[in-house]
Protein backbone atom coordinates (compact mmCIF):
# COMPACT_ATOMS: atom_id res chain seq x y z
CA ASP A 1 -13.54 6.56 -15.39
CA ILE A 2 -10.38 5.31 -13.26
CA LEU A 3 -8.56 2.54 -15.05
CA GLY A 4 -11.77 1.48 -17.46
CA PRO A 5 -10.84 3.09 -20.85
CA PRO A 6 -7.72 1.65 -21.16
CA VAL A 7 -9.05 -2.08 -20.82
CA SER A 8 -12.20 -1.41 -23.05
CA ASP A 9 -9.36 -0.36 -25.83
CA SER A 10 -7.01 -2.65 -24.91
CA GLU A 11 -8.43 -5.15 -27.65
CA ASP A 12 -8.09 -2.65 -30.89
CA ALA A 13 -4.62 -1.42 -29.18
CA LEU A 14 -3.22 -4.86 -29.13
CA THR A 15 -4.49 -6.11 -32.44
CA TRP A 16 -3.63 -2.78 -34.47
CA MET A 17 0.24 -3.12 -32.99
CA THR A 18 0.64 -7.17 -33.73
CA THR A 19 -0.80 -6.21 -37.16
CA GLN A 20 1.63 -3.82 -38.07
CA PRO A 21 4.08 -4.77 -40.95
CA TRP A 22 6.82 -3.74 -38.70
CA SER A 23 5.87 -6.25 -35.53
CA ASN A 24 6.68 -9.81 -35.06
CA GLY A 25 3.40 -10.19 -33.21
CA LYS A 26 4.45 -9.74 -29.81
CA VAL A 27 3.61 -6.63 -27.42
CA GLY A 28 5.46 -5.96 -23.94
CA ALA A 29 4.22 -3.30 -21.52
CA VAL A 30 6.01 -1.17 -19.34
CA GLY A 31 5.50 1.42 -16.97
CA CYS A 32 4.95 3.01 -12.91
CA SER A 33 2.10 3.97 -11.64
CA SER A 34 -0.39 5.15 -13.92
CA THR A 35 1.24 3.34 -16.70
CA ALA A 36 1.26 0.06 -14.72
CA GLU A 37 -1.97 -0.20 -13.26
CA TYR A 38 -3.89 -1.19 -15.93
CA GLN A 39 -1.94 -4.11 -17.24
CA MET A 40 -2.73 -6.57 -14.82
CA ALA A 41 -6.51 -6.41 -16.01
CA VAL A 42 -5.76 -5.99 -19.63
CA ALA A 43 -3.00 -9.24 -19.29
CA ALA A 44 -6.10 -10.75 -17.85
CA THR A 45 -8.37 -10.53 -21.15
CA GLY A 46 -6.13 -13.22 -22.71
CA HIS A 47 -4.93 -11.31 -25.83
CA LYS A 48 -2.36 -13.52 -27.69
CA GLY A 49 -0.24 -10.47 -28.71
CA PHE A 50 0.12 -9.42 -25.08
CA ALA A 51 3.46 -11.48 -24.55
CA ALA A 52 5.08 -9.69 -21.41
CA MET A 53 4.52 -6.94 -18.81
CA ASN A 54 7.03 -5.03 -16.66
CA VAL A 55 4.85 -3.22 -13.75
CA GLN A 56 6.09 -1.12 -11.25
CA GLY A 57 4.33 0.91 -8.45
CA PHE A 58 1.10 -0.91 -9.52
CA GLY A 59 -0.95 -0.82 -6.35
CA ALA A 60 -3.79 1.17 -7.87
CA GLY A 61 -4.30 -1.69 -10.31
CA VAL A 62 -5.33 -4.41 -7.62
CA GLY A 63 -8.97 -4.69 -6.40
CA ARG A 64 -9.21 -7.51 -4.53
CA VAL A 65 -6.75 -10.42 -3.95
CA GLY A 66 -6.38 -12.45 -0.86
CA PRO A 67 -7.24 -10.63 2.39
CA TYR A 68 -6.82 -7.62 0.91
CA TYR A 69 -9.86 -5.69 -0.57
CA GLU A 70 -8.16 -2.27 -1.30
CA GLN A 71 -9.73 -1.97 -4.74
CA GLY A 72 -6.78 -0.12 -5.77
CA ASN A 73 -5.50 1.55 -3.04
CA TRP A 74 -8.59 3.49 -2.48
CA TYR A 75 -8.84 1.63 1.10
CA ARG A 76 -6.90 0.13 3.95
CA GLY A 77 -8.85 -2.10 6.13
CA GLY A 78 -12.14 -0.48 5.24
CA ALA A 79 -10.54 3.49 5.74
CA VAL A 80 -10.11 5.76 3.10
CA GLN A 81 -6.55 6.18 1.63
CA MET A 82 -7.07 9.99 1.24
CA LEU A 83 -3.79 10.25 -1.31
CA PHE A 84 -6.60 9.01 -4.26
CA ILE A 85 -8.47 12.92 -3.24
CA ALA A 86 -5.59 14.69 -4.34
CA TRP A 87 -4.61 12.52 -7.10
CA ILE A 88 -7.96 12.58 -8.84
CA TYR A 89 -8.15 16.61 -8.71
CA GLY A 90 -5.96 16.63 -12.09
CA GLN A 91 -7.79 13.68 -13.17
CA GLN A 92 -11.21 14.01 -13.19
CA ASN A 93 -12.12 17.08 -15.31
CA GLN A 94 -14.52 16.58 -18.06
CA VAL A 95 -14.06 19.40 -20.40
CA ARG A 96 -10.93 18.44 -22.51
CA PRO A 97 -9.57 19.69 -25.98
CA MET A 98 -11.88 18.44 -28.84
CA PHE A 99 -10.64 18.22 -32.34
CA PRO A 100 -13.19 17.07 -35.52
CA LYS A 101 -13.53 13.28 -36.48
CA ASN A 102 -11.88 13.61 -39.84
CA THR A 103 -8.95 16.16 -38.46
CA PRO A 104 -6.00 15.14 -40.49
CA GLN A 105 -3.30 13.69 -38.65
CA ALA A 106 -0.86 16.19 -39.40
CA ASP A 107 -2.76 18.65 -37.90
CA LEU A 108 -3.23 16.95 -34.89
CA VAL A 109 0.65 16.29 -34.62
CA ALA A 110 1.04 19.96 -34.57
CA ALA A 111 -1.56 20.61 -32.25
CA SER A 112 0.38 18.43 -29.94
CA ARG A 113 3.35 21.18 -30.40
CA LEU A 114 1.34 24.28 -30.01
CA PHE A 115 -0.68 23.17 -27.07
CA ASP A 116 -0.72 21.71 -23.58
CA LEU A 117 -3.50 19.32 -24.07
CA ALA A 118 -2.86 18.30 -20.14
CA PRO A 119 -4.83 20.57 -17.42
CA GLN A 120 -2.71 22.36 -15.26
CA MET A 121 -5.06 22.63 -11.80
CA PRO A 122 -4.99 25.57 -9.57
CA ARG A 123 -2.15 24.71 -6.97
CA ALA A 124 -4.28 23.19 -3.96
CA ASP A 125 -2.63 23.08 -0.26
CA TRP A 126 -3.35 19.47 0.53
CA SER A 127 -1.95 20.06 4.01
CA LYS A 128 -5.01 21.79 4.81
CA ALA A 129 -7.33 20.98 1.75
CA LEU A 130 -7.60 17.31 2.81
CA SER A 131 -8.56 17.99 6.71
CA HIS A 132 -11.99 19.70 4.81
CA LEU A 133 -15.14 18.27 6.26
CA PRO A 134 -17.73 16.60 5.02
CA VAL A 135 -14.48 14.47 2.99
CA GLN A 136 -16.99 14.03 0.08
CA ASP A 137 -16.82 17.70 -0.33
CA ILE A 138 -12.84 18.61 -0.67
CA LEU A 139 -12.92 18.64 -3.88
CA LYS A 140 -15.64 20.77 -4.42
CA ALA A 141 -13.99 23.01 -1.24
CA VAL A 142 -10.90 23.56 -3.74
CA ASP A 143 -13.12 24.50 -6.36
CA ALA A 144 -12.67 21.11 -8.79
CA PRO A 145 -14.59 19.95 -11.96
CA ARG A 146 -17.55 17.70 -10.97
CA GLY A 147 -16.54 13.94 -11.47
CA VAL A 148 -16.27 10.65 -10.44
CA PHE A 149 -15.03 10.92 -7.02
CA ALA A 150 -18.28 12.14 -5.36
CA ASP A 151 -20.52 12.84 -8.45
CA GLU A 152 -22.98 10.15 -10.53
CA MET A 153 -21.04 10.02 -13.74
CA PRO A 154 -22.41 8.18 -17.06
CA VAL A 155 -19.46 5.64 -16.86
CA ALA A 156 -19.14 2.13 -16.30
CA THR A 157 -18.84 2.08 -12.65
CA GLY A 158 -21.03 4.70 -11.98
CA GLY A 159 -18.82 7.91 -10.28
CA ARG A 160 -19.57 8.43 -6.56
CA MET A 161 -16.14 6.76 -5.48
CA ILE A 162 -16.42 8.02 -2.17
CA GLN A 163 -19.43 7.21 -1.78
CA ARG A 164 -18.78 3.23 -2.06
CA ALA A 165 -18.33 0.54 0.65
CA PRO A 166 -15.03 -1.52 0.08
CA ASN A 167 -17.15 -4.80 -1.53
CA ASP A 168 -19.64 -2.43 -3.68
CA PRO A 169 -20.35 -4.09 -7.24
CA ALA A 170 -19.18 -0.67 -8.68
CA TRP A 171 -15.62 -2.08 -8.07
CA TYR A 172 -16.11 -5.10 -10.23
CA GLN A 173 -17.16 -2.96 -13.22
CA GLY A 174 -14.10 -0.51 -14.28
CA GLY A 175 -10.45 -2.17 -14.95
CA LEU A 176 -9.25 -3.11 -11.80
CA TRP A 177 -7.83 -6.90 -11.70
CA HIS A 178 -9.08 -9.30 -9.29
CA ASP A 179 -8.19 -12.79 -7.84
CA ASN A 180 -10.67 -14.30 -9.74
CA MET A 181 -9.36 -13.14 -13.13
CA LYS A 182 -6.99 -15.62 -14.85
CA LEU A 183 -3.52 -14.07 -15.27
CA ASP A 184 -1.29 -15.98 -17.82
CA LEU A 185 1.68 -14.35 -18.99
CA PRO A 186 5.13 -13.49 -18.37
CA GLY A 187 5.49 -11.02 -15.42
CA LEU A 188 8.50 -8.64 -13.84
CA TRP A 189 6.70 -7.23 -10.44
CA GLN A 190 8.79 -3.96 -9.00
CA MET A 191 7.70 -2.56 -5.61
CA SER A 192 8.87 -0.64 -3.21
CA TRP A 193 8.95 -0.65 0.76
CA TYR A 194 7.69 2.73 1.29
CA ASP A 195 4.76 2.43 -1.73
CA VAL A 196 1.32 2.69 -0.73
CA SER A 197 0.71 -1.15 -1.05
CA VAL A 198 3.31 -3.65 -0.83
CA GLY A 199 1.30 -6.22 1.07
CA PRO A 200 -1.42 -6.53 -1.59
CA ASN A 201 1.04 -6.12 -4.72
CA LEU A 202 3.61 -9.02 -2.73
CA GLU A 203 0.13 -11.19 -2.41
CA MET A 204 -0.94 -10.60 -5.92
CA TYR A 205 2.80 -11.68 -7.00
CA ASN A 206 2.12 -15.21 -4.94
CA HIS A 207 -1.40 -16.01 -6.51
CA VAL A 208 -0.35 -15.60 -10.01
CA ARG A 209 2.86 -18.12 -9.23
CA LYS A 210 -0.18 -20.57 -7.72
CA THR A 211 -2.65 -19.69 -10.08
CA ALA A 212 -0.81 -19.54 -13.57
CA SER A 213 -0.06 -22.12 -15.87
CA LYS A 214 2.72 -24.15 -14.87
CA GLU A 215 5.04 -22.72 -17.51
CA ILE A 216 3.90 -19.17 -16.98
CA ALA A 217 3.86 -19.66 -13.15
CA ASP A 218 8.13 -20.02 -13.26
CA GLN A 219 8.40 -16.97 -15.15
CA GLN A 220 7.55 -14.61 -13.10
CA TRP A 221 10.15 -12.54 -11.00
CA ALA A 222 9.55 -9.81 -7.94
CA ILE A 223 11.97 -7.03 -7.39
CA ILE A 224 11.43 -5.04 -3.71
CA ALA A 225 13.54 -2.05 -3.07
CA PRO A 226 14.11 0.04 -0.07
CA VAL A 227 12.95 3.57 -2.21
CA ALA A 228 9.04 5.45 -2.15
CA HIS A 229 6.70 5.34 -5.37
CA CYS A 230 8.64 4.61 -8.60
CA ALA A 231 11.84 6.17 -7.51
CA TYR A 232 13.77 3.05 -8.19
CA THR A 233 16.54 4.53 -10.70
CA ARG A 234 16.88 7.27 -8.61
CA ALA A 235 18.61 5.61 -5.62
CA THR A 236 22.27 6.51 -5.51
CA GLU A 237 25.48 5.46 -3.44
CA ASP A 238 23.90 6.52 -0.10
CA THR A 239 20.25 6.36 -0.90
CA ILE A 240 18.50 8.60 1.89
CA VAL A 241 14.44 7.46 2.02
CA GLY A 242 12.65 9.80 4.68
CA GLU A 243 15.64 10.38 6.78
CA ARG A 244 16.94 7.21 7.00
CA SER A 245 19.89 6.40 4.95
CA MET A 246 19.65 2.83 2.97
CA GLY A 247 23.21 2.57 1.81
CA ASP A 248 23.88 1.59 -1.39
CA ALA A 249 20.47 0.60 -2.72
CA ARG A 250 21.24 0.58 -6.67
CA LEU A 251 20.20 -1.97 -8.80
CA ASP A 252 20.69 -2.70 -12.69
CA TYR A 253 16.75 -1.91 -13.56
CA GLN A 254 17.63 -1.21 -17.48
CA GLU A 255 19.97 -4.64 -17.75
CA ILE A 256 16.73 -6.45 -16.15
CA MET A 257 14.21 -5.24 -17.84
CA TYR A 258 15.48 -5.48 -21.31
CA GLY A 259 16.94 -8.83 -20.25
CA PHE A 260 13.32 -9.36 -19.83
CA PHE A 261 11.81 -8.08 -22.72
CA ASP A 262 14.31 -9.32 -24.93
CA ARG A 263 13.64 -12.67 -24.16
CA PHE A 264 9.85 -12.73 -23.79
CA VAL A 265 9.55 -10.41 -26.87
CA LYS A 266 12.28 -11.12 -29.21
CA GLY A 267 13.05 -14.92 -28.11
CA ALA A 268 16.60 -14.54 -27.14
CA LYS A 269 18.79 -16.74 -25.41
CA ASP A 270 20.94 -15.87 -22.01
CA THR A 271 19.68 -12.57 -20.96
CA ARG A 272 20.08 -10.63 -17.17
CA ILE A 273 16.81 -12.12 -16.08
CA ASP A 274 18.38 -15.79 -16.37
CA LYS A 275 20.32 -14.90 -14.08
CA LEU A 276 17.96 -13.15 -11.90
CA ALA A 277 15.98 -14.92 -8.56
CA LYS A 278 12.62 -15.07 -8.41
CA VAL A 279 12.31 -12.56 -5.77
CA THR A 280 14.93 -9.80 -5.36
CA TYR A 281 14.49 -7.57 -2.38
CA PHE A 282 16.42 -5.04 -0.49
CA THR A 283 16.70 -5.37 3.35
CA MET A 284 17.13 -2.36 5.75
CA GLY A 285 19.25 -1.84 8.56
CA SER A 286 22.12 -4.18 6.97
CA ASN A 287 21.26 -2.02 3.79
CA ARG A 288 21.50 -5.02 1.16
CA TRP A 289 19.89 -6.51 -1.74
CA GLN A 290 19.17 -10.44 -0.81
CA THR A 291 17.64 -13.18 -2.94
CA SER A 292 14.99 -16.05 -2.55
CA ASP A 293 12.81 -18.37 -4.57
CA THR A 294 9.54 -17.35 -2.41
CA TRP A 295 8.00 -14.46 -0.80
CA PRO A 296 8.40 -14.84 2.40
CA PRO A 297 11.98 -16.26 2.19
CA ALA A 298 13.08 -19.08 2.85
CA GLY A 299 13.53 -19.58 6.51
CA ALA A 300 11.15 -16.75 7.53
CA ALA A 301 9.36 -18.28 10.84
CA PRO A 302 6.72 -16.44 12.35
CA VAL A 303 7.44 -15.28 16.03
CA THR A 304 4.49 -13.71 17.99
CA TYR A 305 5.09 -11.03 20.85
CA TYR A 306 2.39 -10.16 22.98
CA LEU A 307 1.69 -6.33 24.30
CA ALA A 308 1.94 -5.88 27.75
CA SER A 309 1.73 -2.68 30.64
CA GLY A 310 0.33 -1.69 33.52
CA GLY A 311 -2.54 0.10 32.19
CA LYS A 312 -0.16 3.32 30.91
CA ALA A 313 1.21 2.65 27.72
CA ASN A 314 0.22 5.94 26.55
CA THR A 315 3.25 7.59 25.14
CA LEU A 316 7.05 7.19 24.63
CA LYS A 317 7.39 7.72 28.88
CA GLY A 318 4.82 4.82 29.24
CA ASP A 319 5.08 1.47 30.64
CA GLY A 320 4.36 -0.89 27.35
CA ALA A 321 6.47 -3.41 26.41
CA LEU A 322 6.28 -6.56 23.65
CA ALA A 323 6.64 -9.62 25.55
CA GLY A 324 7.44 -13.35 24.97
CA ALA A 325 3.73 -14.03 26.94
CA PRO A 326 0.44 -12.24 27.18
CA PRO A 327 0.50 -11.08 30.95
CA GLU A 328 -1.60 -12.95 33.13
CA GLN A 329 -4.45 -9.96 34.12
CA ASP A 330 -5.97 -7.69 31.67
CA GLN A 331 -4.32 -3.97 32.58
CA PRO A 332 -5.97 -2.00 29.54
CA ASP A 333 -4.53 0.83 27.77
CA ARG A 334 -7.25 3.81 27.42
CA PHE A 335 -7.09 6.48 25.25
CA ALA A 336 -9.35 9.08 23.28
CA TYR A 337 -9.79 9.61 20.19
CA ASP A 338 -10.66 13.31 19.05
CA PRO A 339 -11.18 13.03 14.98
CA MET A 340 -10.88 16.60 15.06
CA ASN A 341 -7.56 16.27 16.83
CA PRO A 342 -5.97 13.59 14.78
CA VAL A 343 -2.35 11.56 14.94
CA PRO A 344 -0.69 13.42 12.46
CA SER A 345 0.92 11.61 9.41
CA VAL A 346 4.86 11.64 9.68
CA GLY A 347 6.34 10.20 6.76
CA GLY A 348 5.05 6.52 5.92
CA ASN A 349 3.96 4.36 3.11
CA VAL A 350 2.67 6.43 0.85
CA CYS A 351 2.20 8.63 -2.46
CA CYS A 352 0.97 11.26 -4.51
CA THR A 353 -0.55 13.67 -1.56
CA GLY A 354 1.13 16.80 -2.75
CA ASP A 355 2.81 18.73 0.20
CA ALA A 356 0.64 16.72 2.78
CA ILE A 357 2.84 13.61 3.45
CA THR A 358 6.34 12.86 2.39
CA ALA A 359 6.54 9.48 1.82
CA GLY A 360 9.70 7.64 4.15
CA ALA A 361 11.20 6.67 7.05
CA PHE A 362 10.81 9.39 9.62
CA ASP A 363 12.00 9.55 13.44
CA GLN A 364 7.82 9.36 14.88
CA ARG A 365 8.74 10.08 18.53
CA THR A 366 6.85 13.56 18.02
CA ASN A 367 4.13 11.47 17.55
CA GLU A 368 4.79 9.02 20.42
CA SER A 369 4.67 12.18 22.99
CA ARG A 370 0.91 12.09 22.82
CA GLU A 371 -1.55 10.63 25.31
CA ASP A 372 -3.35 9.12 22.30
CA VAL A 373 -0.37 6.90 20.74
CA LEU A 374 -0.17 3.37 22.97
CA VAL A 375 3.82 2.50 22.59
CA TYR A 376 4.87 -1.10 23.15
CA THR A 377 8.59 -1.44 22.73
CA SER A 378 10.62 -5.07 22.59
CA GLU A 379 13.63 -5.39 24.85
CA PRO A 380 17.05 -4.67 22.97
CA PHE A 381 18.15 -7.59 20.85
CA LYS A 382 21.37 -9.12 21.92
CA ASP A 383 21.72 -10.80 18.98
CA GLY A 384 20.74 -9.29 15.30
CA MET A 385 17.32 -10.00 13.81
CA GLU A 386 15.96 -10.24 10.23
CA LEU A 387 12.51 -9.48 9.94
CA SER A 388 11.17 -10.39 6.26
CA GLY A 389 8.16 -10.94 5.61
CA PRO A 390 4.33 -10.61 6.72
CA ILE A 391 3.46 -8.65 9.79
CA VAL A 392 -0.35 -9.51 11.60
CA PRO A 393 -1.09 -7.56 14.82
CA THR A 394 -4.26 -8.84 16.27
CA LEU A 395 -5.62 -6.76 19.00
CA TYR A 396 -8.78 -7.15 21.46
CA VAL A 397 -10.31 -3.55 21.72
CA SER A 398 -13.12 -1.69 23.50
CA SER A 399 -14.35 1.10 22.74
CA ASP A 400 -17.84 4.02 24.14
CA ALA A 401 -17.86 4.33 20.63
CA LYS A 402 -20.39 2.14 17.81
CA ASP A 403 -17.63 2.69 15.56
CA THR A 404 -13.76 3.29 15.71
CA ASP A 405 -10.49 3.07 14.05
CA LEU A 406 -7.40 0.87 15.30
CA THR A 407 -4.04 1.83 13.76
CA VAL A 408 -0.97 0.26 13.76
CA LYS A 409 2.71 1.59 13.10
CA VAL A 410 5.50 -1.00 13.23
CA LEU A 411 9.36 0.60 13.92
CA ASP A 412 12.75 -0.18 14.69
CA VAL A 413 14.28 1.33 17.67
CA TYR A 414 17.90 2.80 17.52
CA PRO A 415 20.04 2.96 20.41
CA ASP A 416 19.90 6.51 20.83
CA GLY A 417 16.00 6.74 20.79
CA ARG A 418 15.32 7.24 17.23
CA ALA A 419 12.22 5.30 15.86
CA TYR A 420 11.72 4.96 12.09
CA ASN A 421 8.39 3.82 10.51
CA LEU A 422 8.54 0.03 8.67
CA ASP A 423 5.51 0.04 7.43
CA GLU A 424 1.66 1.00 8.88
CA SER A 425 -2.38 0.24 8.89
CA ILE A 426 -5.66 0.76 9.87
CA GLN A 427 -8.49 -1.38 10.69
CA ARG A 428 -12.33 0.14 10.20
CA MET A 429 -13.88 -2.02 12.86
CA ARG A 430 -17.17 -1.99 11.67
CA TYR A 431 -15.26 -4.04 8.92
CA ARG A 432 -13.76 -6.25 11.32
CA GLU A 433 -15.66 -9.28 10.40
CA GLY A 434 -14.79 -8.86 6.90
CA TYR A 435 -15.12 -6.75 3.63
CA ASP A 436 -17.68 -8.95 1.87
CA LYS A 437 -20.30 -9.03 4.78
CA PRO A 438 -22.94 -6.09 6.63
CA PRO A 439 -21.06 -3.71 8.94
CA VAL A 440 -21.08 -4.63 12.66
CA TRP A 441 -21.39 -1.99 15.34
CA MET A 442 -19.57 -2.06 18.80
CA GLU A 443 -20.89 -2.25 21.86
CA SER A 444 -19.37 -0.10 25.12
CA GLY A 445 -18.44 -2.78 27.66
CA ARG A 446 -17.34 -5.69 25.21
CA VAL A 447 -14.06 -6.62 24.17
CA TYR A 448 -13.77 -7.46 20.03
CA LYS A 449 -10.63 -9.28 18.68
CA VAL A 450 -9.37 -7.76 15.37
CA THR A 451 -6.86 -8.65 13.11
CA LEU A 452 -5.80 -6.13 10.91
CA GLN A 453 -4.34 -7.46 7.22
CA PRO A 454 -1.07 -8.18 6.54
CA LEU A 455 2.01 -5.47 6.84
CA ASN A 456 4.77 -6.11 5.08
CA THR A 457 8.69 -5.49 5.70
CA SER A 458 12.49 -6.26 5.22
CA ASN A 459 14.65 -4.79 8.03
CA TYR A 460 17.51 -6.06 10.35
CA PHE A 461 17.68 -5.19 13.50
CA ALA A 462 21.10 -4.94 14.54
CA PRO A 463 22.43 -5.66 18.01
CA GLY A 464 20.87 -3.23 20.51
CA HIS A 465 18.46 -2.18 18.26
CA ARG A 466 14.36 -2.95 19.70
CA LEU A 467 11.32 -3.33 17.99
CA ARG A 468 8.29 -1.25 18.29
CA ILE A 469 4.67 -1.28 17.77
CA GLU A 470 2.63 1.69 18.25
CA VAL A 471 -1.49 1.81 18.58
CA SER A 472 -3.65 4.46 17.88
CA SER A 473 -6.92 5.32 16.32
CA SER A 474 -5.87 7.53 13.44
CA ASN A 475 -2.65 8.50 11.06
CA PHE A 476 -4.51 11.62 8.80
CA PRO A 477 -4.27 12.38 6.65
CA ARG A 478 -2.42 9.41 5.59
CA PHE A 479 -6.09 7.48 6.13
CA ASP A 480 -9.39 9.34 6.61
CA ARG A 481 -10.71 10.17 10.24
CA ASN A 482 -13.32 7.81 11.80
CA LEU A 483 -16.03 10.17 12.99
CA ASN A 484 -16.99 7.32 15.57
CA THR A 485 -20.91 8.00 15.04
CA GLY A 486 -21.41 4.98 12.56
CA GLY A 487 -22.70 7.63 10.05
CA ASN A 488 -21.68 6.94 6.38
CA ASN A 489 -19.01 9.04 7.55
CA PHE A 490 -18.26 10.89 3.60
CA ASP A 491 -21.49 12.72 4.20
CA GLU A 492 -20.89 14.05 8.05
CA ALA A 493 -19.13 17.00 9.00
CA ARG A 494 -19.15 16.01 13.09
CA GLY A 495 -17.55 13.88 14.67
CA VAL A 496 -17.67 12.46 18.65
CA THR A 497 -14.91 11.34 20.80
CA ALA A 498 -14.31 7.96 21.22
CA ARG A 499 -12.49 6.51 24.49
CA ASN A 500 -10.89 3.56 23.16
CA ALA A 501 -9.05 0.47 25.04
CA VAL A 502 -6.48 -2.01 24.18
CA HIS A 503 -6.61 -5.22 26.01
CA HIS A 504 -3.56 -7.70 27.26
CA SER A 505 -3.91 -10.80 29.01
CA LYS A 506 -4.23 -14.54 28.63
CA ARG A 507 -7.76 -14.08 28.06
CA TYR A 508 -6.94 -11.19 25.51
CA PRO A 509 -3.90 -12.01 23.89
CA SER A 510 -3.54 -8.86 22.02
CA SER A 511 0.26 -9.47 19.42
CA LEU A 512 2.32 -8.96 16.52
CA THR A 513 3.31 -11.88 15.27
CA ILE A 514 6.41 -11.27 13.11
CA SER A 515 8.54 -13.56 9.99
CA VAL A 516 12.20 -14.03 11.24
CA VAL A 517 14.67 -15.29 8.83
CA LYS A 518 17.28 -17.23 10.45
CA ARG A 519 20.08 -17.95 8.32
CA PRO A 520 23.36 -20.20 8.71
CA ALA A 521 26.54 -18.27 8.65
CA GLY A 522 27.34 -16.88 5.81
CA THR A 523 24.67 -17.63 3.47
CA ALA A 524 22.58 -14.53 3.01
CA SER A 525 22.57 -13.45 -0.69
CA ARG A 526 23.45 -10.53 -2.38
CA ARG A 527 22.32 -9.61 -6.05
């Protein structure tokens, strides 16, 4: 089961380690991705020997927290994040090498040297394989073994992951951490702007700081780097993430990590962690590390831009704008979303999709030439502007389909026209009233308000740069396609075209609220 065994095994493992003659009775855990994701749920069991955790790229271990019901990166806004389909291909194999129960340890050690005990799956071309319909048969189509993705299995959650809804009881039976689970031990939390789930991860960090005991709440540190999944130490003097240079994004991660464990596992004094701010974050655009006691940073204040147009915001050449006030009259922007011709994912905040998507910042102008992409852009900034913190899109939409998706992408537009993606999200309209409520359907001719879950970034818009938002109904294969039928989606092979519209006026004030940090001159801090 996904993330289940590490939690059920944790009591025995931690007890064994803390009772050995070489142990001081304290265990620290460190890891990125798969070796981080189960740490939070294990910590919530409260084992007295678990002294500190350093979790890096840990989003697949976060189930429900605050407004996010991602269930370990499985969903975003109720849509399926397809990265796990490619990842689980090599994980759900049911046939594994087994040895007799009483095999001597020396023989097991020898076997580990003689045999590769990890599966070597036949290579799949995920740039094509993820297009297969129905979605529940994607792994079957690449000749994968049966397993928890689509099949009923004898595990705690029952398998059939693709068939669940975002608040299905099965998500609460495995090894995910949820916000009703007390977590009360020191933590060093590492995230990155171009990883899958920086929003839920930051939400969890803030949740622990609010709910842990007073002493432990003050023993939480966050680092947010400008890189892709688990690429912290790959930063160089000129760190390129996708196509965009982040400058020198290096940080003394090893010294920070060892200082953290020296303090909380060994009891050392005056370590590197004692000199670290509670939040260390990288601001893209200005390409520098900054520090704060909180996230969002002190001084961050909401600023709202309103979507506006003359009804022709389609493509980069349209008349879409981000304005300081909503338009008087509603002139909706309309587009046709055909799930058989979705907007392709170009870069983004993603990982683990094989050859289907490369994470990072890429020029989005090719996608912005499509008629099914609405483009809204601010005027050039006269003075520089730092956006650091949550970004909340609120849209008023209509559709002739029973259900459809709304996608949003936030960008930094350079004076020469390059448009680099900062963060992205999606909302499946059937879940617009909440993930713990029954699905609700759309009626043709009605306008619905939908607020997406907060995006997050830190980016400096230099003078002459502009803020942009793209709105569409697909971002594939970053997210699965809504087939627009109102059906299960996962078991359907045919879709219908949805004719969608974004409304913007005083009556329908579609908007983008960002977090702008205003600092007195000379107060921005570097590590």
